[in-house]
mmCIF file of all heavy atoms, coordinates in Angstrom:
data_MODEL
# 
_entry.id   MODEL 
# 
loop_
_atom_site.group_PDB 
_atom_site.id 
_atom_site.type_symbol 
_atom_site.label_atom_id 
_atom_site.label_alt_id 
_atom_site.label_comp_id 
_atom_site.label_asym_id 
_atom_site.label_entity_id 
_atom_site.label_seq_id 
_atom_site.pdbx_PDB_ins_code 
_atom_site.Cartn_x 
_atom_site.Cartn_y 
_atom_site.Cartn_z 
_atom_site.occupancy 
_atom_site.B_iso_or_equiv 
_atom_site.pdbx_formal_charge 
_atom_site.auth_seq_id 
_atom_site.auth_comp_id 
_atom_site.auth_asym_id 
_atom_site.auth_atom_id 
_atom_site.pdbx_PDB_model_num 
ATOM 1   N N   . SER A 1 1  ? 0.806  -1.226  0.005  1.00 0.00 ? 1  SER A N   1 
ATOM 2   C CA  . SER A 1 1  ? -0.012 0.007   0.024  1.00 0.00 ? 1  SER A CA  1 
ATOM 3   C C   . SER A 1 1  ? 0.864  1.256   0.004  1.00 0.00 ? 1  SER A C   1 
ATOM 4   O O   . SER A 1 1  ? 0.313  2.377   -0.099 1.00 0.00 ? 1  SER A O   1 
ATOM 5   C CB  . SER A 1 1  ? -0.926 0.007   1.206  1.00 0.00 ? 1  SER A CB  1 
ATOM 6   O OG  . SER A 1 1  ? -0.186 0.195   2.395  1.00 0.00 ? 1  SER A OG  1 
ATOM 7   N N   . GLY A 1 2  ? 2.159  1.130   0.150  1.00 0.00 ? 2  GLY A N   1 
ATOM 8   C CA  . GLY A 1 2  ? 3.046  2.295   0.186  1.00 0.00 ? 2  GLY A CA  1 
ATOM 9   C C   . GLY A 1 2  ? 3.225  2.890   1.567  1.00 0.00 ? 2  GLY A C   1 
ATOM 10  O O   . GLY A 1 2  ? 3.877  3.911   1.723  1.00 0.00 ? 2  GLY A O   1 
ATOM 11  N N   . GLU A 1 3  ? 2.650  2.246   2.577  1.00 0.00 ? 3  GLU A N   1 
ATOM 12  C CA  . GLU A 1 3  ? 2.768  2.769   3.939  1.00 0.00 ? 3  GLU A CA  1 
ATOM 13  C C   . GLU A 1 3  ? 4.231  2.691   4.420  1.00 0.00 ? 3  GLU A C   1 
ATOM 14  O O   . GLU A 1 3  ? 4.693  3.560   5.145  1.00 0.00 ? 3  GLU A O   1 
ATOM 15  C CB  . GLU A 1 3  ? 1.859  1.969   4.892  1.00 0.00 ? 3  GLU A CB  1 
ATOM 16  C CG  . GLU A 1 3  ? 1.835  2.461   6.294  1.00 0.00 ? 3  GLU A CG  1 
ATOM 17  C CD  . GLU A 1 3  ? 0.909  1.615   7.164  1.00 0.00 ? 3  GLU A CD  1 
ATOM 18  O OE1 . GLU A 1 3  ? -0.040 1.021   6.658  1.00 0.00 ? 3  GLU A OE1 1 
ATOM 19  O OE2 . GLU A 1 3  ? 1.182  1.580   8.382  1.00 0.00 ? 3  GLU A OE2 1 
ATOM 20  N N   . ILE A 1 4  ? 4.916  1.623   4.063  1.00 0.00 ? 4  ILE A N   1 
ATOM 21  C CA  . ILE A 1 4  ? 6.334  1.493   4.361  1.00 0.00 ? 4  ILE A CA  1 
ATOM 22  C C   . ILE A 1 4  ? 7.107  1.273   3.062  1.00 0.00 ? 4  ILE A C   1 
ATOM 23  O O   . ILE A 1 4  ? 6.531  0.771   2.064  1.00 0.00 ? 4  ILE A O   1 
ATOM 24  C CB  . ILE A 1 4  ? 6.653  0.364   5.366  1.00 0.00 ? 4  ILE A CB  1 
ATOM 25  C CG1 . ILE A 1 4  ? 6.246  -1.012  4.809  1.00 0.00 ? 4  ILE A CG1 1 
ATOM 26  C CG2 . ILE A 1 4  ? 5.999  0.620   6.701  1.00 0.00 ? 4  ILE A CG2 1 
ATOM 27  C CD1 . ILE A 1 4  ? 6.719  -2.196  5.652  1.00 0.00 ? 4  ILE A CD1 1 
ATOM 28  N N   . ILE A 1 5  ? 8.363  1.592   3.067  1.00 0.00 ? 5  ILE A N   1 
ATOM 29  C CA  . ILE A 1 5  ? 9.232  1.414   1.913  1.00 0.00 ? 5  ILE A CA  1 
ATOM 30  C C   . ILE A 1 5  ? 10.259 0.335   2.254  1.00 0.00 ? 5  ILE A C   1 
ATOM 31  O O   . ILE A 1 5  ? 10.851 0.351   3.337  1.00 0.00 ? 5  ILE A O   1 
ATOM 32  C CB  . ILE A 1 5  ? 9.961  2.705   1.562  1.00 0.00 ? 5  ILE A CB  1 
ATOM 33  C CG1 . ILE A 1 5  ? 8.946  3.783   1.138  1.00 0.00 ? 5  ILE A CG1 1 
ATOM 34  C CG2 . ILE A 1 5  ? 10.966 2.474   0.425  1.00 0.00 ? 5  ILE A CG2 1 
ATOM 35  C CD1 . ILE A 1 5  ? 9.547  5.171   0.993  1.00 0.00 ? 5  ILE A CD1 1 
ATOM 36  N N   . LEU A 1 6  ? 10.397 -0.659  1.366  1.00 0.00 ? 6  LEU A N   1 
ATOM 37  C CA  . LEU A 1 6  ? 11.383 -1.706  1.566  1.00 0.00 ? 6  LEU A CA  1 
ATOM 38  C C   . LEU A 1 6  ? 12.493 -1.564  0.553  1.00 0.00 ? 6  LEU A C   1 
ATOM 39  O O   . LEU A 1 6  ? 12.269 -1.163  -0.584 1.00 0.00 ? 6  LEU A O   1 
ATOM 40  C CB  . LEU A 1 6  ? 10.728 -3.063  1.435  1.00 0.00 ? 6  LEU A CB  1 
ATOM 41  C CG  . LEU A 1 6  ? 9.557  -3.421  2.349  1.00 0.00 ? 6  LEU A CG  1 
ATOM 42  C CD1 . LEU A 1 6  ? 9.066  -4.844  2.053  1.00 0.00 ? 6  LEU A CD1 1 
ATOM 43  C CD2 . LEU A 1 6  ? 9.956  -3.276  3.796  1.00 0.00 ? 6  LEU A CD2 1 
ATOM 44  N N   . ASN A 1 7  ? 13.703 -1.962  0.965  1.00 0.00 ? 7  ASN A N   1 
ATOM 45  C CA  . ASN A 1 7  ? 14.819 -1.972  0.010  1.00 0.00 ? 7  ASN A CA  1 
ATOM 46  C C   . ASN A 1 7  ? 14.671 -3.237  -0.895 1.00 0.00 ? 7  ASN A C   1 
ATOM 47  O O   . ASN A 1 7  ? 13.823 -4.080  -0.606 1.00 0.00 ? 7  ASN A O   1 
ATOM 48  C CB  . ASN A 1 7  ? 16.163 -1.911  0.745  1.00 0.00 ? 7  ASN A CB  1 
ATOM 49  C CG  . ASN A 1 7  ? 16.442 -3.123  1.608  1.00 0.00 ? 7  ASN A CG  1 
ATOM 50  O OD1 . ASN A 1 7  ? 15.868 -4.183  1.452  1.00 0.00 ? 7  ASN A OD1 1 
ATOM 51  N ND2 . ASN A 1 7  ? 17.329 -2.926  2.569  1.00 0.00 ? 7  ASN A ND2 1 
ATOM 52  N N   . GLU A 1 8  ? 15.553 -3.325  -1.850 1.00 0.00 ? 8  GLU A N   1 
ATOM 53  C CA  . GLU A 1 8  ? 15.473 -4.410  -2.837 1.00 0.00 ? 8  GLU A CA  1 
ATOM 54  C C   . GLU A 1 8  ? 15.586 -5.791  -2.180 1.00 0.00 ? 8  GLU A C   1 
ATOM 55  O O   . GLU A 1 8  ? 14.884 -6.712  -2.562 1.00 0.00 ? 8  GLU A O   1 
ATOM 56  C CB  . GLU A 1 8  ? 16.515 -4.225  -3.914 1.00 0.00 ? 8  GLU A CB  1 
ATOM 57  C CG  . GLU A 1 8  ? 16.363 -5.171  -5.084 1.00 0.00 ? 8  GLU A CG  1 
ATOM 58  C CD  . GLU A 1 8  ? 15.037 -5.101  -5.800 1.00 0.00 ? 8  GLU A CD  1 
ATOM 59  O OE1 . GLU A 1 8  ? 14.473 -3.977  -5.925 1.00 0.00 ? 8  GLU A OE1 1 
ATOM 60  O OE2 . GLU A 1 8  ? 14.512 -6.146  -6.227 1.00 0.00 ? 8  GLU A OE2 1 
ATOM 61  N N   . LYS A 1 9  ? 16.466 -5.925  -1.212 1.00 0.00 ? 9  LYS A N   1 
ATOM 62  C CA  . LYS A 1 9  ? 16.632 -7.204  -0.530 1.00 0.00 ? 9  LYS A CA  1 
ATOM 63  C C   . LYS A 1 9  ? 15.356 -7.635  0.181  1.00 0.00 ? 9  LYS A C   1 
ATOM 64  O O   . LYS A 1 9  ? 14.977 -8.817  0.177  1.00 0.00 ? 9  LYS A O   1 
ATOM 65  C CB  . LYS A 1 9  ? 17.808 -7.175  0.465  1.00 0.00 ? 9  LYS A CB  1 
ATOM 66  C CG  . LYS A 1 9  ? 19.144 -6.988  -0.227 1.00 0.00 ? 9  LYS A CG  1 
ATOM 67  C CD  . LYS A 1 9  ? 19.545 -8.314  -0.912 1.00 0.00 ? 9  LYS A CD  1 
ATOM 68  C CE  . LYS A 1 9  ? 20.948 -8.187  -1.448 1.00 0.00 ? 9  LYS A CE  1 
ATOM 69  N NZ  . LYS A 1 9  ? 21.318 -9.274  -2.328 1.00 0.00 ? 9  LYS A NZ  1 
ATOM 70  N N   . ARG A 1 10 ? 14.719 -6.714  0.860  1.00 0.00 ? 10 ARG A N   1 
ATOM 71  C CA  . ARG A 1 10 ? 13.492 -7.043  1.584  1.00 0.00 ? 10 ARG A CA  1 
ATOM 72  C C   . ARG A 1 10 ? 12.347 -7.370  0.600  1.00 0.00 ? 10 ARG A C   1 
ATOM 73  O O   . ARG A 1 10 ? 11.533 -8.233  0.869  1.00 0.00 ? 10 ARG A O   1 
ATOM 74  C CB  . ARG A 1 10 ? 13.066 -5.917  2.530  1.00 0.00 ? 10 ARG A CB  1 
ATOM 75  C CG  . ARG A 1 10 ? 13.853 -5.856  3.771  1.00 0.00 ? 10 ARG A CG  1 
ATOM 76  C CD  . ARG A 1 10 ? 13.153 -5.089  4.839  1.00 0.00 ? 10 ARG A CD  1 
ATOM 77  N NE  . ARG A 1 10 ? 14.077 -4.717  5.880  1.00 0.00 ? 10 ARG A NE  1 
ATOM 78  C CZ  . ARG A 1 10 ? 13.698 -4.072  6.974  1.00 0.00 ? 10 ARG A CZ  1 
ATOM 79  N NH1 . ARG A 1 10 ? 12.458 -3.760  7.171  1.00 0.00 ? 10 ARG A NH1 1 
ATOM 80  N NH2 . ARG A 1 10 ? 14.608 -3.776  7.889  1.00 0.00 ? 10 ARG A NH2 1 
ATOM 81  N N   . ILE A 1 11 ? 12.318 -6.639  -0.519 1.00 0.00 ? 11 ILE A N   1 
ATOM 82  C CA  . ILE A 1 11 ? 11.316 -6.979  -1.554 1.00 0.00 ? 11 ILE A CA  1 
ATOM 83  C C   . ILE A 1 11 ? 11.545 -8.407  -2.067 1.00 0.00 ? 11 ILE A C   1 
ATOM 84  O O   . ILE A 1 11 ? 10.599 -9.169  -2.216 1.00 0.00 ? 11 ILE A O   1 
ATOM 85  C CB  . ILE A 1 11 ? 11.359 -5.936  -2.654 1.00 0.00 ? 11 ILE A CB  1 
ATOM 86  C CG1 . ILE A 1 11 ? 10.867 -4.559  -2.170 1.00 0.00 ? 11 ILE A CG1 1 
ATOM 87  C CG2 . ILE A 1 11 ? 10.530 -6.392  -3.866 1.00 0.00 ? 11 ILE A CG2 1 
ATOM 88  C CD1 . ILE A 1 11 ? 11.124 -3.413  -3.099 1.00 0.00 ? 11 ILE A CD1 1 
ATOM 89  N N   . GLN A 1 12 ? 12.798 -8.753  -2.317 1.00 0.00 ? 12 GLN A N   1 
ATOM 90  C CA  . GLN A 1 12 ? 13.106 -10.108 -2.751 1.00 0.00 ? 12 GLN A CA  1 
ATOM 91  C C   . GLN A 1 12 ? 12.716 -11.130 -1.715 1.00 0.00 ? 12 GLN A C   1 
ATOM 92  O O   . GLN A 1 12 ? 12.196 -12.210 -2.070 1.00 0.00 ? 12 GLN A O   1 
ATOM 93  C CB  . GLN A 1 12 ? 14.606 -10.235 -3.086 1.00 0.00 ? 12 GLN A CB  1 
ATOM 94  C CG  . GLN A 1 12 ? 15.025 -9.472  -4.321 1.00 0.00 ? 12 GLN A CG  1 
ATOM 95  C CD  . GLN A 1 12 ? 16.541 -9.482  -4.521 1.00 0.00 ? 12 GLN A CD  1 
ATOM 96  O OE1 . GLN A 1 12 ? 17.312 -9.945  -3.658 1.00 0.00 ? 12 GLN A OE1 1 
ATOM 97  N NE2 . GLN A 1 12 ? 16.985 -8.882  -5.583 1.00 0.00 ? 12 GLN A NE2 1 
ATOM 98  N N   . LEU A 1 13 ? 12.949 -10.797 -0.446 1.00 0.00 ? 13 LEU A N   1 
ATOM 99  C CA  . LEU A 1 13 ? 12.545 -11.696 0.647  1.00 0.00 ? 13 LEU A CA  1 
ATOM 100 C C   . LEU A 1 13 ? 11.045 -11.935 0.643  1.00 0.00 ? 13 LEU A C   1 
ATOM 101 O O   . LEU A 1 13 ? 10.584 -13.066 0.682  1.00 0.00 ? 13 LEU A O   1 
ATOM 102 C CB  . LEU A 1 13 ? 12.988 -11.139 1.981  1.00 0.00 ? 13 LEU A CB  1 
ATOM 103 C CG  . LEU A 1 13 ? 12.448 -11.887 3.222  1.00 0.00 ? 13 LEU A CG  1 
ATOM 104 C CD1 . LEU A 1 13 ? 13.028 -13.310 3.293  1.00 0.00 ? 13 LEU A CD1 1 
ATOM 105 C CD2 . LEU A 1 13 ? 12.782 -11.121 4.491  1.00 0.00 ? 13 LEU A CD2 1 
ATOM 106 N N   . VAL A 1 14 ? 10.263 -10.851 0.554  1.00 0.00 ? 14 VAL A N   1 
ATOM 107 C CA  . VAL A 1 14 ? 8.819  -10.973 0.571  1.00 0.00 ? 14 VAL A CA  1 
ATOM 108 C C   . VAL A 1 14 ? 8.345  -11.786 -0.623 1.00 0.00 ? 14 VAL A C   1 
ATOM 109 O O   . VAL A 1 14 ? 7.504  -12.692 -0.511 1.00 0.00 ? 14 VAL A O   1 
ATOM 110 C CB  . VAL A 1 14 ? 8.142  -9.573  0.569  1.00 0.00 ? 14 VAL A CB  1 
ATOM 111 C CG1 . VAL A 1 14 ? 6.645  -9.649  0.271  1.00 0.00 ? 14 VAL A CG1 1 
ATOM 112 C CG2 . VAL A 1 14 ? 8.372  -8.882  1.907  1.00 0.00 ? 14 VAL A CG2 1 
ATOM 113 N N   . GLU A 1 15 ? 8.890  -11.500 -1.804 1.00 0.00 ? 15 GLU A N   1 
ATOM 114 C CA  . GLU A 1 15 ? 8.492  -12.274 -2.988 1.00 0.00 ? 15 GLU A CA  1 
ATOM 115 C C   . GLU A 1 15 ? 8.794  -13.755 -2.873 1.00 0.00 ? 15 GLU A C   1 
ATOM 116 O O   . GLU A 1 15 ? 8.031  -14.616 -3.232 1.00 0.00 ? 15 GLU A O   1 
ATOM 117 C CB  . GLU A 1 15 ? 9.156  -11.669 -4.232 1.00 0.00 ? 15 GLU A CB  1 
ATOM 118 C CG  . GLU A 1 15 ? 8.615  -10.317 -4.607 1.00 0.00 ? 15 GLU A CG  1 
ATOM 119 C CD  . GLU A 1 15 ? 9.355  -9.594  -5.711 1.00 0.00 ? 15 GLU A CD  1 
ATOM 120 O OE1 . GLU A 1 15 ? 10.504 -10.003 -6.029 1.00 0.00 ? 15 GLU A OE1 1 
ATOM 121 O OE2 . GLU A 1 15 ? 8.858  -8.558  -6.214 1.00 0.00 ? 15 GLU A OE2 1 
ATOM 122 N N   . TRP A 1 16 ? 9.979  -14.077 -2.307 1.00 0.00 ? 16 TRP A N   1 
ATOM 123 C CA  . TRP A 1 16 ? 10.385 -15.471 -2.111 1.00 0.00 ? 16 TRP A CA  1 
ATOM 124 C C   . TRP A 1 16 ? 9.432  -16.136 -1.111 1.00 0.00 ? 16 TRP A C   1 
ATOM 125 O O   . TRP A 1 16 ? 9.007  -17.277 -1.331 1.00 0.00 ? 16 TRP A O   1 
ATOM 126 C CB  . TRP A 1 16 ? 11.831 -15.516 -1.674 1.00 0.00 ? 16 TRP A CB  1 
ATOM 127 C CG  . TRP A 1 16 ? 12.274 -16.914 -1.334 1.00 0.00 ? 16 TRP A CG  1 
ATOM 128 C CD1 . TRP A 1 16 ? 12.508 -17.958 -2.186 1.00 0.00 ? 16 TRP A CD1 1 
ATOM 129 C CD2 . TRP A 1 16 ? 12.475 -17.466 -0.007 1.00 0.00 ? 16 TRP A CD2 1 
ATOM 130 N NE1 . TRP A 1 16 ? 12.865 -19.100 -1.474 1.00 0.00 ? 16 TRP A NE1 1 
ATOM 131 C CE2 . TRP A 1 16 ? 12.846 -18.808 -0.166 1.00 0.00 ? 16 TRP A CE2 1 
ATOM 132 C CE3 . TRP A 1 16 ? 12.375 -16.916 1.284  1.00 0.00 ? 16 TRP A CE3 1 
ATOM 133 C CZ2 . TRP A 1 16 ? 13.121 -19.615 0.946  1.00 0.00 ? 16 TRP A CZ2 1 
ATOM 134 C CZ3 . TRP A 1 16 ? 12.680 -17.713 2.346  1.00 0.00 ? 16 TRP A CZ3 1 
ATOM 135 C CH2 . TRP A 1 16 ? 13.039 -19.045 2.164  1.00 0.00 ? 16 TRP A CH2 1 
ATOM 136 N N   . LEU A 1 17 ? 9.175  -15.447 -0.006 1.00 0.00 ? 17 LEU A N   1 
ATOM 137 C CA  . LEU A 1 17 ? 8.290  -16.015 1.014  1.00 0.00 ? 17 LEU A CA  1 
ATOM 138 C C   . LEU A 1 17 ? 6.907  -16.298 0.441  1.00 0.00 ? 17 LEU A C   1 
ATOM 139 O O   . LEU A 1 17 ? 6.320  -17.357 0.665  1.00 0.00 ? 17 LEU A O   1 
ATOM 140 C CB  . LEU A 1 17 ? 8.161  -15.070 2.219  1.00 0.00 ? 17 LEU A CB  1 
ATOM 141 C CG  . LEU A 1 17 ? 9.424  -14.946 3.087  1.00 0.00 ? 17 LEU A CG  1 
ATOM 142 C CD1 . LEU A 1 17 ? 9.214  -13.792 4.106  1.00 0.00 ? 17 LEU A CD1 1 
ATOM 143 C CD2 . LEU A 1 17 ? 9.701  -16.248 3.799  1.00 0.00 ? 17 LEU A CD2 1 
ATOM 144 N N   . GLU A 1 18 ? 6.395  -15.338 -0.319 1.00 0.00 ? 18 GLU A N   1 
ATOM 145 C CA  . GLU A 1 18 ? 5.033  -15.531 -0.913 1.00 0.00 ? 18 GLU A CA  1 
ATOM 146 C C   . GLU A 1 18 ? 5.001  -16.646 -1.902 1.00 0.00 ? 18 GLU A C   1 
ATOM 147 O O   . GLU A 1 18 ? 4.028  -17.375 -1.984 1.00 0.00 ? 18 GLU A O   1 
ATOM 148 C CB  . GLU A 1 18 ? 4.568  -14.223 -1.575 1.00 0.00 ? 18 GLU A CB  1 
ATOM 149 C CG  . GLU A 1 18 ? 4.197  -13.143 -0.594 1.00 0.00 ? 18 GLU A CG  1 
ATOM 150 C CD  . GLU A 1 18 ? 3.671  -11.909 -1.240 1.00 0.00 ? 18 GLU A CD  1 
ATOM 151 O OE1 . GLU A 1 18 ? 4.209  -11.498 -2.294 1.00 0.00 ? 18 GLU A OE1 1 
ATOM 152 O OE2 . GLU A 1 18 ? 2.702  -11.316 -0.688 1.00 0.00 ? 18 GLU A OE2 1 
ATOM 153 N N   . GLN A 1 19 ? 6.044  -16.837 -2.672 1.00 0.00 ? 19 GLN A N   1 
ATOM 154 C CA  . GLN A 1 19 ? 6.076  -17.856 -3.726 1.00 0.00 ? 19 GLN A CA  1 
ATOM 155 C C   . GLN A 1 19 ? 6.451  -19.197 -3.185 1.00 0.00 ? 19 GLN A C   1 
ATOM 156 O O   . GLN A 1 19 ? 5.823  -20.206 -3.571 1.00 0.00 ? 19 GLN A O   1 
ATOM 157 C CB  . GLN A 1 19 ? 7.085  -17.416 -4.797 1.00 0.00 ? 19 GLN A CB  1 
ATOM 158 C CG  . GLN A 1 19 ? 7.180  -18.426 -5.941 1.00 0.00 ? 19 GLN A CG  1 
ATOM 159 C CD  . GLN A 1 19 ? 8.179  -17.975 -7.009 1.00 0.00 ? 19 GLN A CD  1 
ATOM 160 O OE1 . GLN A 1 19 ? 8.539  -16.824 -7.085 1.00 0.00 ? 19 GLN A OE1 1 
ATOM 161 N NE2 . GLN A 1 19 ? 8.649  -18.896 -7.807 1.00 0.00 ? 19 GLN A NE2 1 
ATOM 162 N N   . ASP A 1 20 ? 7.457  -19.283 -2.313 1.00 0.00 ? 20 ASP A N   1 
ATOM 163 C CA  . ASP A 1 20 ? 8.028  -20.613 -1.988 1.00 0.00 ? 20 ASP A CA  1 
ATOM 164 C C   . ASP A 1 20 ? 7.750  -21.067 -0.545 1.00 0.00 ? 20 ASP A C   1 
ATOM 165 O O   . ASP A 1 20 ? 7.982  -22.237 -0.228 1.00 0.00 ? 20 ASP A O   1 
ATOM 166 C CB  . ASP A 1 20 ? 9.537  -20.577 -2.184 1.00 0.00 ? 20 ASP A CB  1 
ATOM 167 C CG  . ASP A 1 20 ? 9.916  -20.368 -3.660 1.00 0.00 ? 20 ASP A CG  1 
ATOM 168 O OD1 . ASP A 1 20 ? 9.111  -20.762 -4.523 1.00 0.00 ? 20 ASP A OD1 1 
ATOM 169 O OD2 . ASP A 1 20 ? 10.995 -19.812 -3.899 1.00 0.00 ? 20 ASP A OD2 1 
ATOM 170 N N   . ILE A 1 21 ? 7.318  -20.206 0.326  1.00 0.00 ? 21 ILE A N   1 
ATOM 171 C CA  . ILE A 1 21 ? 7.128  -20.623 1.729  1.00 0.00 ? 21 ILE A CA  1 
ATOM 172 C C   . ILE A 1 21 ? 5.644  -20.569 2.153  1.00 0.00 ? 21 ILE A C   1 
ATOM 173 O O   . ILE A 1 21 ? 5.081  -21.559 2.601  1.00 0.00 ? 21 ILE A O   1 
ATOM 174 C CB  . ILE A 1 21 ? 7.968  -19.732 2.692  1.00 0.00 ? 21 ILE A CB  1 
ATOM 175 C CG1 . ILE A 1 21 ? 9.480  -19.880 2.363  1.00 0.00 ? 21 ILE A CG1 1 
ATOM 176 C CG2 . ILE A 1 21 ? 7.690  -20.096 4.161  1.00 0.00 ? 21 ILE A CG2 1 
ATOM 177 C CD1 . ILE A 1 21 ? 10.029 -21.270 2.501  1.00 0.00 ? 21 ILE A CD1 1 
ATOM 178 N N   . LEU A 1 22 ? 5.025  -19.421 1.945  1.00 0.00 ? 22 LEU A N   1 
ATOM 179 C CA  . LEU A 1 22 ? 3.660  -19.252 2.434  1.00 0.00 ? 22 LEU A CA  1 
ATOM 180 C C   . LEU A 1 22 ? 2.639  -20.077 1.669  1.00 0.00 ? 22 LEU A C   1 
ATOM 181 O O   . LEU A 1 22 ? 1.467  -20.220 2.089  1.00 0.00 ? 22 LEU A O   1 
ATOM 182 C CB  . LEU A 1 22 ? 3.241  -17.768 2.414  1.00 0.00 ? 22 LEU A CB  1 
ATOM 183 C CG  . LEU A 1 22 ? 4.138  -16.867 3.265  1.00 0.00 ? 22 LEU A CG  1 
ATOM 184 C CD1 . LEU A 1 22 ? 3.730  -15.407 3.134  1.00 0.00 ? 22 LEU A CD1 1 
ATOM 185 C CD2 . LEU A 1 22 ? 4.097  -17.295 4.729  1.00 0.00 ? 22 LEU A CD2 1 
ATOM 186 N N   . THR A 1 23 ? 3.044  -20.656 0.552  1.00 0.00 ? 23 THR A N   1 
ATOM 187 C CA  . THR A 1 23 ? 2.128  -21.524 -0.238 1.00 0.00 ? 23 THR A CA  1 
ATOM 188 C C   . THR A 1 23 ? 2.236  -22.996 0.134  1.00 0.00 ? 23 THR A C   1 
ATOM 189 O O   . THR A 1 23 ? 1.452  -23.786 -0.370 1.00 0.00 ? 23 THR A O   1 
ATOM 190 C CB  . THR A 1 23 ? 2.509  -21.348 -1.742 1.00 0.00 ? 23 THR A CB  1 
ATOM 191 O OG1 . THR A 1 23 ? 3.881  -21.697 -1.914 1.00 0.00 ? 23 THR A OG1 1 
ATOM 192 C CG2 . THR A 1 23 ? 2.235  -19.957 -2.226 1.00 0.00 ? 23 THR A CG2 1 
ATOM 193 N N   . ARG A 1 24 ? 3.156  -23.330 1.000  1.00 0.00 ? 24 ARG A N   1 
ATOM 194 C CA  . ARG A 1 24 ? 3.351  -24.738 1.347  1.00 0.00 ? 24 ARG A CA  1 
ATOM 195 C C   . ARG A 1 24 ? 2.367  -25.247 2.366  1.00 0.00 ? 24 ARG A C   1 
ATOM 196 O O   . ARG A 1 24 ? 1.892  -24.494 3.162  1.00 0.00 ? 24 ARG A O   1 
ATOM 197 C CB  . ARG A 1 24 ? 4.787  -24.925 1.835  1.00 0.00 ? 24 ARG A CB  1 
ATOM 198 C CG  . ARG A 1 24 ? 5.790  -24.607 0.734  1.00 0.00 ? 24 ARG A CG  1 
ATOM 199 C CD  . ARG A 1 24 ? 7.174  -24.780 1.144  1.00 0.00 ? 24 ARG A CD  1 
ATOM 200 N NE  . ARG A 1 24 ? 7.479  -26.152 1.587  1.00 0.00 ? 24 ARG A NE  1 
ATOM 201 C CZ  . ARG A 1 24 ? 8.716  -26.610 1.751  1.00 0.00 ? 24 ARG A CZ  1 
ATOM 202 N NH1 . ARG A 1 24 ? 9.726  -25.841 1.424  1.00 0.00 ? 24 ARG A NH1 1 
ATOM 203 N NH2 . ARG A 1 24 ? 8.917  -27.823 2.153  1.00 0.00 ? 24 ARG A NH2 1 
ATOM 204 N N   . ASP A 1 25 ? 2.089  -26.535 2.301  1.00 0.00 ? 25 ASP A N   1 
ATOM 205 C CA  . ASP A 1 25 ? 1.160  -27.122 3.280  1.00 0.00 ? 25 ASP A CA  1 
ATOM 206 C C   . ASP A 1 25 ? 1.873  -28.081 4.247  1.00 0.00 ? 25 ASP A C   1 
ATOM 207 O O   . ASP A 1 25 ? 1.199  -28.745 5.038  1.00 0.00 ? 25 ASP A O   1 
ATOM 208 C CB  . ASP A 1 25 ? -0.016 -27.815 2.587  1.00 0.00 ? 25 ASP A CB  1 
ATOM 209 C CG  . ASP A 1 25 ? 0.440  -28.921 1.663  1.00 0.00 ? 25 ASP A CG  1 
ATOM 210 O OD1 . ASP A 1 25 ? 1.658  -29.251 1.595  1.00 0.00 ? 25 ASP A OD1 1 
ATOM 211 O OD2 . ASP A 1 25 ? -0.433 -29.495 0.975  1.00 0.00 ? 25 ASP A OD2 1 
ATOM 212 N N   . ASP A 1 26 ? 3.201  -28.114 4.186  1.00 0.00 ? 26 ASP A N   1 
ATOM 213 C CA  . ASP A 1 26 ? 3.950  -28.994 5.091  1.00 0.00 ? 26 ASP A CA  1 
ATOM 214 C C   . ASP A 1 26 ? 4.585  -28.236 6.220  1.00 0.00 ? 26 ASP A C   1 
ATOM 215 O O   . ASP A 1 26 ? 5.411  -28.731 6.961  1.00 0.00 ? 26 ASP A O   1 
ATOM 216 C CB  . ASP A 1 26 ? 5.027  -29.789 4.348  1.00 0.00 ? 26 ASP A CB  1 
ATOM 217 C CG  . ASP A 1 26 ? 6.086  -28.894 3.703  1.00 0.00 ? 26 ASP A CG  1 
ATOM 218 O OD1 . ASP A 1 26 ? 5.753  -27.724 3.413  1.00 0.00 ? 26 ASP A OD1 1 
ATOM 219 O OD2 . ASP A 1 26 ? 7.222  -29.368 3.497  1.00 0.00 ? 26 ASP A OD2 1 
# 
């Protein structure tokens, strides 16, 4: 929403978590 600003590393972290971790059922 733009409330906080993240650097590139944190953006990569969020994208990785959303794609590879938060989608898992194990």
